[in-house]
Each structure stands twice: as C-alpha cells, then as structure tokens.
C-alpha cells in the first residue's frame, strides 16, 4: 500500500484535489469553481462548483477535500437560478466541456 505524504504547498493541495474531483465532475462538464477556501493548517480546501445536472438542473455543490487522507467529501448542494447561471458563465470553467 502506498504511504500517504502530507502536501507541502497550497498548490499541492489544489493539484491533489483536482485529481480527485475530475472523475466525479467530468460527466457534468462544463463545471465552474465559484468559491474556494483553503485551510492549510488542516491540509484541506472547501469549495463550491456550479454545473448543470441533467435530472436536477443547475446546482451549486459544496465539497471539502482532505489532502492528507486524499478524501473528497460532498457537503450538500442547492439549486441555482438562471440569473445566477448567466453571471457565472461569464467566467472560464474550472472543468471545460472539451476535456478528454
């Protein structure tokens, strides 16, 4: 079994988070990262993403990623209005629709 190593930098935490998040969120691309709060003393990051779910419509979903244990926690979600979506779509997506 591979030994877990604590991340060294904030960029390490983000990179580890991105690797863990891609398989979960790729089916919903494009996905926008709308909020991010790094907690370096806990080797974790809280973040919100917005995407369109085919069954439930536009959602703002909250996650916590624990880099030390390499665990992604789903922390809830809420529906997003069309007005909010139009504002969010002015920014570049976090995960673009044309990724392989």
PDB file of N, CA and C in Angstrom:
ATOM      1  N   UNK A   1       0.847  -1.172   0.000  1.00  0.00           N
ATOM      2  CA  UNK A   1       0.000   0.000   0.000  1.00  0.00           C
ATOM      3  C   UNK A   1       0.891   1.234   0.000  1.00  0.00           C
ATOM      4  N   UNK A   2       0.523   2.240  -0.797  1.00  0.00           N
ATOM      5  CA  UNK A   2       1.302   3.470  -0.891  1.00  0.00           C
ATOM      6  C   UNK A   2       1.149   4.275   0.394  1.00  0.00           C
ATOM      7  N   UNK A   3       2.245   4.851   0.850  1.00  0.00           N
ATOM      8  CA  UNK A   3       2.230   5.675   2.054  1.00  0.00           C
ATOM      9  C   UNK A   3       1.722   7.069   1.715  1.00  0.00           C
ATOM     10  N   UNK A   4       0.835   7.587   2.558  1.00  0.00           N
ATOM     11  CA  UNK A   4       0.317   8.936   2.357  1.00  0.00           C
ATOM     12  C   UNK A   4       1.361   9.941   2.816  1.00  0.00           C
ATOM     13  N   UNK A   5       1.555  10.968   1.996  1.00  0.00           N
ATOM     14  CA  UNK A   5       2.517  12.022   2.311  1.00  0.00           C
ATOM     15  C   UNK A   5       1.763  13.337   2.373  1.00  0.00           C
ATOM     16  N   UNK A   6       2.004  14.099   3.440  1.00  0.00           N
ATOM     17  CA  UNK A   6       1.322  15.388   3.584  1.00  0.00           C
ATOM     18  C   UNK A   6       1.732  16.328   2.465  1.00  0.00           C
ATOM     19  N   UNK A   7       0.795  17.066   1.907  1.00  0.00           N
ATOM     20  CA  UNK A   7       1.130  18.037   0.860  1.00  0.00           C
ATOM     21  C   UNK A   7       2.016  19.134   1.431  1.00  0.00           C
ATOM     22  N   UNK A   8       2.884  19.665   0.589  1.00  0.00           N
ATOM     23  CA  UNK A   8       3.856  20.662   1.033  1.00  0.00           C
ATOM     24  C   UNK A   8       3.395  22.093   0.814  1.00  0.00           C
ATOM     25  N   UNK A   9       2.581  22.322  -0.200  1.00  0.00           N
ATOM     26  CA  UNK A   9       2.176  23.688  -0.542  1.00  0.00           C
ATOM     27  C   UNK A   9       0.683  23.742  -0.848  1.00  0.00           C
ATOM     28  N   UNK A  10       0.168  24.953  -0.932  1.00  0.00           N
ATOM     29  CA  UNK A  10      -1.225  25.152  -1.325  1.00  0.00           C
ATOM     30  C   UNK A  10      -1.463  24.604  -2.729  1.00  0.00           C
ATOM     31  N   UNK A  11      -0.475  24.791  -3.590  1.00  0.00           N
ATOM     32  CA  UNK A  11      -0.613  24.254  -4.952  1.00  0.00           C
ATOM     33  C   UNK A  11      -0.685  22.732  -4.943  1.00  0.00           C
ATOM     34  N   UNK A  12       0.050  22.083  -4.015  1.00  0.00           N
ATOM     35  CA  UNK A  12      -0.050  20.622  -3.875  1.00  0.00           C
ATOM     36  C   UNK A  12      -1.476  20.218  -3.515  1.00  0.00           C
ATOM     37  N   UNK A  13      -2.074  20.945  -2.575  1.00  0.00           N
ATOM     38  CA  UNK A  13      -3.446  20.643  -2.149  1.00  0.00           C
ATOM     39  C   UNK A  13      -4.397  20.787  -3.329  1.00  0.00           C
ATOM     40  N   UNK A  14      -4.242  21.863  -4.083  1.00  0.00           N
ATOM     41  CA  UNK A  14      -5.119  22.066  -5.251  1.00  0.00           C
ATOM     42  C   UNK A  14      -4.928  20.967  -6.292  1.00  0.00           C
ATOM     43  N   UNK A  15      -3.686  20.588  -6.550  1.00  0.00           N
ATOM     44  CA  UNK A  15      -3.409  19.554  -7.546  1.00  0.00           C
ATOM     45  C   UNK A  15      -4.010  18.213  -7.127  1.00  0.00           C
ATOM     46  N   UNK A  16      -3.843  17.861  -5.855  1.00  0.00           N
ATOM     47  CA  UNK A  16      -4.424  16.618  -5.353  1.00  0.00           C
ATOM     48  C   UNK A  16      -5.944  16.665  -5.421  1.00  0.00           C
ATOM     49  N   UNK A  17      -6.525  17.809  -5.065  1.00  0.00           N
ATOM     50  CA  UNK A  17      -7.980  17.987  -5.148  1.00  0.00           C
ATOM     51  C   UNK A  17      -8.464  17.797  -6.587  1.00  0.00           C
ATOM     52  N   UNK A  18      -7.771  18.440  -7.520  1.00  0.00           N
ATOM     53  CA  UNK A  18      -8.182  18.361  -8.917  1.00  0.00           C
ATOM     54  C   UNK A  18      -8.165  16.921  -9.425  1.00  0.00           C
ATOM     55  N   UNK A  19      -7.173  16.150  -9.032  1.00  0.00           N
ATOM     56  CA  UNK A  19      -7.100  14.745  -9.445  1.00  0.00           C
ATOM     57  C   UNK A  19      -8.275  13.940  -8.896  1.00  0.00           C
ATOM     58  N   UNK A  20      -8.668  14.251  -7.669  1.00  0.00           N
ATOM     59  CA  UNK A  20      -9.761  13.519  -7.029  1.00  0.00           C
ATOM     60  C   UNK A  20     -11.123  13.937  -7.597  1.00  0.00           C
ATOM     61  N   UNK A  21     -11.253  15.208  -7.952  1.00  0.00           N
ATOM     62  CA  UNK A  21     -12.528  15.775  -8.392  1.00  0.00           C
ATOM     63  C   UNK A  21     -12.866  15.416  -9.840  1.00  0.00           C
ATOM     64  N   UNK A  22     -11.884  15.319 -10.703  1.00  0.00           N
ATOM     65  CA  UNK A  22     -12.159  15.111 -12.138  1.00  0.00           C
ATOM     66  C   UNK A  22     -13.078  13.928 -12.419  1.00  0.00           C
ATOM     67  N   UNK A  23     -12.799  12.746 -11.874  1.00  0.00           N
ATOM     68  CA  UNK A  23     -13.699  11.622 -12.192  1.00  0.00           C
ATOM     69  C   UNK A  23     -15.133  11.834 -11.708  1.00  0.00           C
ATOM     70  N   UNK A  24     -15.293  12.599 -10.633  1.00  0.00           N
ATOM     71  CA  UNK A  24     -16.624  12.849 -10.066  1.00  0.00           C
ATOM     72  C   UNK A  24     -17.395  13.862 -10.907  1.00  0.00           C
ATOM     73  N   UNK A  25     -16.710  14.918 -11.357  1.00  0.00           N
ATOM     74  CA  UNK A  25     -17.395  16.021 -12.027  1.00  0.00           C
ATOM     75  C   UNK A  25     -17.301  16.000 -13.556  1.00  0.00           C
ATOM     76  N   UNK A  26     -16.419  15.213 -14.143  1.00  0.00           N
ATOM     77  CA  UNK A  26     -16.290  15.186 -15.603  1.00  0.00           C
ATOM     78  C   UNK A  26     -17.614  14.952 -16.331  1.00  0.00           C
ATOM     79  N   UNK A  27     -18.512  14.089 -15.825  1.00  0.00           N
ATOM     80  CA  UNK A  27     -19.777  13.885 -16.546  1.00  0.00           C
ATOM     81  C   UNK A  27     -20.652  15.140 -16.621  1.00  0.00           C
ATOM     82  N   UNK A  28     -20.374  16.142 -15.796  1.00  0.00           N
ATOM     83  CA  UNK A  28     -21.202  17.350 -15.752  1.00  0.00           C
ATOM     84  C   UNK A  28     -20.557  18.542 -16.453  1.00  0.00           C
ATOM     85  N   UNK A  29     -19.427  18.361 -17.122  1.00  0.00           N
ATOM     86  CA  UNK A  29     -18.734  19.488 -17.764  1.00  0.00           C
ATOM     87  C   UNK A  29     -19.662  20.247 -18.693  1.00  0.00           C
ATOM     88  N   UNK A  30     -19.504  21.543 -18.789  1.00  0.00           N
ATOM     89  CA  UNK A  30     -18.550  22.388 -18.074  1.00  0.00           C
ATOM     90  C   UNK A  30     -18.972  22.629 -16.617  1.00  0.00           C
ATOM     91  N   UNK A  31     -17.954  22.783 -15.763  1.00  0.00           N
ATOM     92  CA  UNK A  31     -18.132  22.999 -14.326  1.00  0.00           C
ATOM     93  C   UNK A  31     -17.369  24.263 -13.948  1.00  0.00           C
ATOM     94  N   UNK A  32     -18.026  25.130 -13.178  1.00  0.00           N
ATOM     95  CA  UNK A  32     -17.390  26.376 -12.734  1.00  0.00           C
ATOM     96  C   UNK A  32     -17.063  26.291 -11.248  1.00  0.00           C
ATOM     97  N   UNK A  33     -15.853  26.680 -10.888  1.00  0.00           N
ATOM     98  CA  UNK A  33     -15.436  26.806  -9.495  1.00  0.00           C
ATOM     99  C   UNK A  33     -15.837  28.203  -9.045  1.00  0.00           C
ATOM    100  N   UNK A  34     -16.779  28.296  -8.097  1.00  0.00           N
ATOM    101  CA  UNK A  34     -17.322  29.605  -7.737  1.00  0.00           C
ATOM    102  C   UNK A  34     -16.860  30.086  -6.361  1.00  0.00           C
ATOM    103  N   UNK A  35     -16.322  29.197  -5.568  1.00  0.00           N
ATOM    104  CA  UNK A  35     -15.826  29.592  -4.243  1.00  0.00           C
ATOM    105  C   UNK A  35     -14.778  28.582  -3.817  1.00  0.00           C
ATOM    106  N   UNK A  36     -13.730  29.084  -3.154  1.00  0.00           N
ATOM    107  CA  UNK A  36     -12.664  28.212  -2.682  1.00  0.00           C
ATOM    108  C   UNK A  36     -12.061  28.825  -1.424  1.00  0.00           C
ATOM    109  N   UNK A  37     -11.953  27.996  -0.380  1.00  0.00           N
ATOM    110  CA  UNK A  37     -11.327  28.457   0.853  1.00  0.00           C
ATOM    111  C   UNK A  37     -10.332  27.399   1.297  1.00  0.00           C
ATOM    112  N   UNK A  38      -9.059  27.748   1.195  1.00  0.00           N
ATOM    113  CA  UNK A  38      -8.001  26.837   1.602  1.00  0.00           C
ATOM    114  C   UNK A  38      -7.832  26.890   3.111  1.00  0.00           C
ATOM    115  N   UNK A  39      -7.583  25.729   3.701  1.00  0.00           N
ATOM    116  CA  UNK A  39      -7.341  25.610   5.131  1.00  0.00           C
ATOM    117  C   UNK A  39      -6.001  24.884   5.275  1.00  0.00           C
ATOM    118  N   UNK A  40      -4.891  25.618   5.113  1.00  0.00           N
ATOM    119  CA  UNK A  40      -3.569  24.979   5.078  1.00  0.00           C
ATOM    120  C   UNK A  40      -3.223  24.206   6.348  1.00  0.00           C
ATOM    121  N   UNK A  41      -3.646  24.696   7.495  1.00  0.00           N
ATOM    122  CA  UNK A  41      -3.311  24.012   8.745  1.00  0.00           C
ATOM    123  C   UNK A  41      -3.979  22.641   8.860  1.00  0.00           C
ATOM    124  N   UNK A  42      -5.002  22.406   8.040  1.00  0.00           N
ATOM    125  CA  UNK A  42      -5.689  21.113   8.010  1.00  0.00           C
ATOM    126  C   UNK A  42      -5.425  20.363   6.702  1.00  0.00           C
ATOM    127  N   UNK A  43      -4.563  20.904   5.849  1.00  0.00           N
ATOM    128  CA  UNK A  43      -4.293  20.310   4.535  1.00  0.00           C
ATOM    129  C   UNK A  43      -5.593  20.034   3.793  1.00  0.00           C
ATOM    130  N   UNK A  44      -6.495  21.024   3.789  1.00  0.00           N
ATOM    131  CA  UNK A  44      -7.776  20.821   3.133  1.00  0.00           C
ATOM    132  C   UNK A  44      -8.248  22.088   2.437  1.00  0.00           C
ATOM    133  N   UNK A  45      -9.286  21.914   1.649  1.00  0.00           N
ATOM    134  CA  UNK A  45      -9.888  23.026   0.925  1.00  0.00           C
ATOM    135  C   UNK A  45     -11.397  22.800   0.856  1.00  0.00           C
ATOM    136  N   UNK A  46     -12.149  23.861   1.143  1.00  0.00           N
ATOM    137  CA  UNK A  46     -13.597  23.881   0.945  1.00  0.00           C
ATOM    138  C   UNK A  46     -13.852  24.596  -0.370  1.00  0.00           C
ATOM    139  N   UNK A  47     -14.747  24.071  -1.187  1.00  0.00           N
ATOM    140  CA  UNK A  47     -15.002  24.733  -2.466  1.00  0.00           C
ATOM    141  C   UNK A  47     -16.402  24.416  -2.970  1.00  0.00           C
ATOM    142  N   UNK A  48     -16.910  25.320  -3.794  1.00  0.00           N
ATOM    143  CA  UNK A  48     -18.213  25.160  -4.431  1.00  0.00           C
ATOM    144  C   UNK A  48     -18.025  25.148  -5.937  1.00  0.00           C
ATOM    145  N   UNK A  49     -18.788  24.303  -6.586  1.00  0.00           N
ATOM    146  CA  UNK A  49     -18.800  24.244  -8.046  1.00  0.00           C
ATOM    147  C   UNK A  49     -20.240  24.364  -8.527  1.00  0.00           C
ATOM    148  N   UNK A  50     -20.412  24.899  -9.730  1.00  0.00           N
ATOM    149  CA  UNK A  50     -21.726  25.031 -10.343  1.00  0.00           C
ATOM    150  C   UNK A  50     -21.698  24.297 -11.677  1.00  0.00           C
ATOM    151  N   UNK A  51     -22.745  23.515 -11.913  1.00  0.00           N
ATOM    152  CA  UNK A  51     -22.869  22.754 -13.159  1.00  0.00           C
ATOM    153  C   UNK A  51     -24.324  22.404 -13.373  1.00  0.00           C
ATOM    154  N   UNK A  52     -24.621  21.927 -14.590  1.00  0.00           N
ATOM    155  CA  UNK A  52     -25.991  21.521 -14.900  1.00  0.00           C
ATOM    156  C   UNK A  52     -26.109  20.000 -14.807  1.00  0.00           C
ATOM    157  N   UNK A  53     -26.955  19.544 -13.926  1.00  0.00           N
ATOM    158  CA  UNK A  53     -27.259  18.128 -13.789  1.00  0.00           C
ATOM    159  C   UNK A  53     -28.457  17.830 -14.689  1.00  0.00           C
ATOM    160  N   UNK A  54     -28.382  16.794 -15.533  1.00  0.00           N
ATOM    161  CA  UNK A  54     -29.482  16.522 -16.461  1.00  0.00           C
ATOM    162  C   UNK A  54     -30.811  16.255 -15.763  1.00  0.00           C
ATOM    163  N   UNK A  55     -30.771  15.728 -14.556  1.00  0.00           N
ATOM    164  CA  UNK A  55     -32.001  15.395 -13.841  1.00  0.00           C
ATOM    165  C   UNK A  55     -32.504  16.537 -12.959  1.00  0.00           C
ATOM    166  N   UNK A  56     -31.590  17.277 -12.309  1.00  0.00           N
ATOM    167  CA  UNK A  56     -31.991  18.274 -11.310  1.00  0.00           C
ATOM    168  C   UNK A  56     -31.803  19.723 -11.745  1.00  0.00           C
ATOM    169  N   UNK A  57     -31.199  19.951 -12.897  1.00  0.00           N
ATOM    170  CA  UNK A  57     -30.964  21.315 -13.361  1.00  0.00           C
ATOM    171  C   UNK A  57     -29.653  21.865 -12.813  1.00  0.00           C
ATOM    172  N   UNK A  58     -29.569  23.184 -12.745  1.00  0.00           N
ATOM    173  CA  UNK A  58     -28.338  23.845 -12.313  1.00  0.00           C
ATOM    174  C   UNK A  58     -28.170  23.737 -10.803  1.00  0.00           C
ATOM    175  N   UNK A  59     -26.976  23.265 -10.394  1.00  0.00           N
ATOM    176  CA  UNK A  59     -26.686  23.048  -8.978  1.00  0.00           C
ATOM    177  C   UNK A  59     -25.411  23.762  -8.556  1.00  0.00           C
ATOM    178  N   UNK A  60     -25.401  24.210  -7.321  1.00  0.00           N
ATOM    179  CA  UNK A  60     -24.199  24.707  -6.661  1.00  0.00           C
ATOM    180  C   UNK A  60     -23.897  23.660  -5.593  1.00  0.00           C
ATOM    181  N   UNK A  61     -22.812  22.912  -5.808  1.00  0.00           N
ATOM    182  CA  UNK A  61     -22.473  21.809  -4.921  1.00  0.00           C
ATOM    183  C   UNK A  61     -21.221  22.158  -4.120  1.00  0.00           C
ATOM    184  N   UNK A  62     -21.243  21.868  -2.821  1.00  0.00           N
ATOM    185  CA  UNK A  62     -20.124  22.160  -1.919  1.00  0.00           C
ATOM    186  C   UNK A  62     -19.376  20.876  -1.597  1.00  0.00           C
ATOM    187  N   UNK A  63     -18.046  20.985  -1.617  1.00  0.00           N
ATOM    188  CA  UNK A  63     -17.168  19.860  -1.286  1.00  0.00           C
ATOM    189  C   UNK A  63     -16.100  20.306  -0.296  1.00  0.00           C
ATOM    190  N   UNK A  64     -15.581  19.324   0.412  1.00  0.00           N
ATOM    191  CA  UNK A  64     -14.376  19.520   1.218  1.00  0.00           C
ATOM    192  C   UNK A  64     -13.415  18.431   0.779  1.00  0.00           C
ATOM    193  N   UNK A  65     -12.199  18.854   0.447  1.00  0.00           N
ATOM    194  CA  UNK A  65     -11.168  17.891   0.079  1.00  0.00           C
ATOM    195  C   UNK A  65     -10.104  17.874   1.166  1.00  0.00           C
ATOM    196  N   UNK A  66      -9.848  16.703   1.726  1.00  0.00           N
ATOM    197  CA  UNK A  66      -8.813  16.488   2.741  1.00  0.00           C
ATOM    198  C   UNK A  66      -7.604  15.892   2.026  1.00  0.00           C
ATOM    199  N   UNK A  67      -6.586  16.717   1.822  1.00  0.00           N
ATOM    200  CA  UNK A  67      -5.420  16.285   1.055  1.00  0.00           C
ATOM    201  C   UNK A  67      -4.587  15.252   1.809  1.00  0.00           C
ATOM    202  N   UNK A  68      -4.525  15.362   3.117  1.00  0.00           N
ATOM    203  CA  UNK A  68      -3.701  14.429   3.889  1.00  0.00           C
ATOM    204  C   UNK A  68      -4.215  13.000   3.731  1.00  0.00           C
ATOM    205  N   UNK A  69      -5.528  12.816   3.812  1.00  0.00           N
ATOM    206  CA  UNK A  69      -6.125  11.485   3.671  1.00  0.00           C
ATOM    207  C   UNK A  69      -6.620  11.198   2.256  1.00  0.00           C
ATOM    208  N   UNK A  70      -6.536  12.185   1.351  1.00  0.00           N
ATOM    209  CA  UNK A  70      -6.974  12.055  -0.036  1.00  0.00           C
ATOM    210  C   UNK A  70      -8.442  11.626  -0.114  1.00  0.00           C
ATOM    211  N   UNK A  71      -9.300  12.389   0.600  1.00  0.00           N
ATOM    212  CA  UNK A  71     -10.726  12.084   0.648  1.00  0.00           C
ATOM    213  C   UNK A  71     -11.519  13.321   0.227  1.00  0.00           C
ATOM    214  N   UNK A  72     -12.501  13.111  -0.646  1.00  0.00           N
ATOM    215  CA  UNK A  72     -13.393  14.164  -1.098  1.00  0.00           C
ATOM    216  C   UNK A  72     -14.745  13.964  -0.420  1.00  0.00           C
ATOM    217  N   UNK A  73     -15.208  14.994   0.296  1.00  0.00           N
ATOM    218  CA  UNK A  73     -16.486  14.933   0.998  1.00  0.00           C
ATOM    219  C   UNK A  73     -17.503  15.824   0.300  1.00  0.00           C
ATOM    220  N   UNK A  74     -18.670  15.256   0.006  1.00  0.00           N
ATOM    221  CA  UNK A  74     -19.789  16.034  -0.543  1.00  0.00           C
ATOM    222  C   UNK A  74     -20.489  16.682   0.643  1.00  0.00           C
ATOM    223  N   UNK A  75     -20.611  18.017   0.626  1.00  0.00           N
ATOM    224  CA  UNK A  75     -21.128  18.758   1.777  1.00  0.00           C
ATOM    225  C   UNK A  75     -22.511  19.370   1.517  1.00  0.00           C
ATOM    226  N   UNK A  76     -23.163  18.965   0.455  1.00  0.00           N
ATOM    227  CA  UNK A  76     -24.503  19.475   0.171  1.00  0.00           C
ATOM    228  C   UNK A  76     -24.556  20.239  -1.135  1.00  0.00           C
ATOM    229  N   UNK A  77     -25.782  20.605  -1.511  1.00  0.00           N
ATOM    230  CA  UNK A  77     -25.977  21.329  -2.759  1.00  0.00           C
ATOM    231  C   UNK A  77     -27.272  22.112  -2.694  1.00  0.00           C
ATOM    232  N   UNK A  78     -27.381  23.075  -3.590  1.00  0.00           N
ATOM    233  CA  UNK A  78     -28.608  23.843  -3.734  1.00  0.00           C
ATOM    234  C   UNK A  78     -28.812  24.137  -5.215  1.00  0.00           C
ATOM    235  N   UNK A  79     -30.037  24.366  -5.589  1.00  0.00           N
ATOM    236  CA  UNK A  79     -30.340  24.727  -6.975  1.00  0.00           C
ATOM    237  C   UNK A  79     -29.923  26.169  -7.227  1.00  0.00           C
ATOM    238  N   UNK A  80     -29.596  26.461  -8.474  1.00  0.00           N
ATOM    239  CA  UNK A  80     -29.120  27.781  -8.878  1.00  0.00           C
ATOM    240  C   UNK A  80     -30.108  28.356  -9.887  1.00  0.00           C
ATOM    241  N   UNK A  81     -30.418  29.641  -9.736  1.00  0.00           N
ATOM    242  CA  UNK A  81     -31.350  30.297 -10.660  1.00  0.00           C
ATOM    243  C   UNK A  81     -30.664  30.567 -12.002  1.00  0.00           C
ATOM    244  N   UNK A  82     -31.475  30.753 -13.025  1.00  0.00           N
ATOM    245  CA  UNK A  82     -30.939  31.071 -14.357  1.00  0.00           C
ATOM    246  C   UNK A  82     -30.133  32.372 -14.335  1.00  0.00           C
ATOM    247  N   UNK A  83     -30.572  33.344 -13.548  1.00  0.00           N
ATOM    248  CA  UNK A  83     -29.839  34.619 -13.446  1.00  0.00           C
ATOM    249  C   UNK A  83     -28.445  34.392 -12.869  1.00  0.00           C
ATOM    250  N   UNK A  84     -28.340  33.542 -11.831  1.00  0.00           N
ATOM    251  CA  UNK A  84     -27.032  33.225 -11.257  1.00  0.00           C
ATOM    252  C   UNK A  84     -26.155  32.505 -12.279  1.00  0.00           C
ATOM    253  N   UNK A  85     -26.753  31.586 -13.020  1.00  0.00           N
ATOM    254  CA  UNK A  85     -26.014  30.824 -14.024  1.00  0.00           C
ATOM    255  C   UNK A  85     -25.425  31.754 -15.077  1.00  0.00           C
ATOM    256  N   UNK A  86     -26.230  32.693 -15.573  1.00  0.00           N
ATOM    257  CA  UNK A  86     -25.743  33.622 -16.595  1.00  0.00           C
ATOM    258  C   UNK A  86     -24.553  34.426 -16.083  1.00  0.00           C
ATOM    259  N   UNK A  87     -24.575  34.818 -14.835  1.00  0.00           N
ATOM    260  CA  UNK A  87     -23.467  35.560 -14.245  1.00  0.00           C
ATOM    261  C   UNK A  87     -22.224  34.680 -14.123  1.00  0.00           C
ATOM    262  N   UNK A  88     -22.407  33.449 -13.689  1.00  0.00           N
ATOM    263  CA  UNK A  88     -21.292  32.511 -13.507  1.00  0.00           C
ATOM    264  C   UNK A  88     -20.655  32.155 -14.845  1.00  0.00           C
ATOM    265  N   UNK A  89     -21.470  32.007 -15.888  1.00  0.00           N
ATOM    266  CA  UNK A  89     -20.957  31.589 -17.194  1.00  0.00           C
ATOM    267  C   UNK A  89     -20.088  32.643 -17.869  1.00  0.00           C
ATOM    268  N   UNK A  90     -20.024  33.830 -17.329  1.00  0.00           N
ATOM    269  CA  UNK A  90     -19.119  34.856 -17.877  1.00  0.00           C
ATOM    270  C   UNK A  90     -17.655  34.518 -17.598  1.00  0.00           C
ATOM    271  N   UNK A  91     -17.422  33.630 -16.650  1.00  0.00           N
ATOM    272  CA  UNK A  91     -16.067  33.224 -16.277  1.00  0.00           C
ATOM    273  C   UNK A  91     -15.677  31.938 -16.977  1.00  0.00           C
ATOM    274  N   UNK A  92     -14.373  31.689 -17.012  1.00  0.00           N
ATOM    275  CA  UNK A  92     -13.870  30.445 -17.595  1.00  0.00           C
ATOM    276  C   UNK A  92     -14.254  29.270 -16.699  1.00  0.00           C
ATOM    277  N   UNK A  93     -14.652  28.153 -17.275  1.00  0.00           N
ATOM    278  CA  UNK A  93     -14.970  26.974 -16.461  1.00  0.00           C
ATOM    279  C   UNK A  93     -13.724  26.400 -15.783  1.00  0.00           C
ATOM    280  N   UNK A  94     -13.950  25.769 -14.658  1.00  0.00           N
ATOM    281  CA  UNK A  94     -12.923  25.020 -13.923  1.00  0.00           C
ATOM    282  C   UNK A  94     -12.613  23.741 -14.682  1.00  0.00           C
ATOM    283  N   UNK A  95     -13.647  23.031 -15.092  1.00  0.00           N
ATOM    284  CA  UNK A  95     -13.524  21.868 -15.969  1.00  0.00           C
ATOM    285  C   UNK A  95     -14.296  22.191 -17.232  1.00  0.00           C
ATOM    286  N   UNK A  96     -13.589  22.243 -18.333  1.00  0.00           N
ATOM    287  CA  UNK A  96     -14.205  22.642 -19.593  1.00  0.00           C
ATOM    288  C   UNK A  96     -14.893  21.462 -20.265  1.00  0.00           C
ATOM    289  N   UNK A  97     -15.839  21.770 -21.109  1.00  0.00           N
ATOM    290  CA  UNK A  97     -16.608  20.746 -21.811  1.00  0.00           C
ATOM    291  C   UNK A  97     -15.834  19.978 -22.843  1.00  0.00           C
ATOM    292  N   UNK A  98     -14.669  20.472 -23.238  1.00  0.00           N
ATOM    293  CA  UNK A  98     -13.939  19.788 -24.312  1.00  0.00           C
ATOM    294  C   UNK A  98     -12.736  19.007 -23.801  1.00  0.00           C
ATOM    295  N   UNK A  99     -12.678  18.682 -22.503  1.00  0.00           N
ATOM    296  CA  UNK A  99     -11.578  17.880 -21.978  1.00  0.00           C
ATOM    297  C   UNK A  99     -11.741  16.434 -22.414  1.00  0.00           C
ATOM    298  N   UNK A 100     -10.616  15.774 -22.557  1.00  0.00           N
ATOM    299  CA  UNK A 100     -10.658  14.357 -22.940  1.00  0.00           C
ATOM    300  C   UNK A 100     -10.949  13.490 -21.736  1.00  0.00           C
TER     301      UNK A 100
END
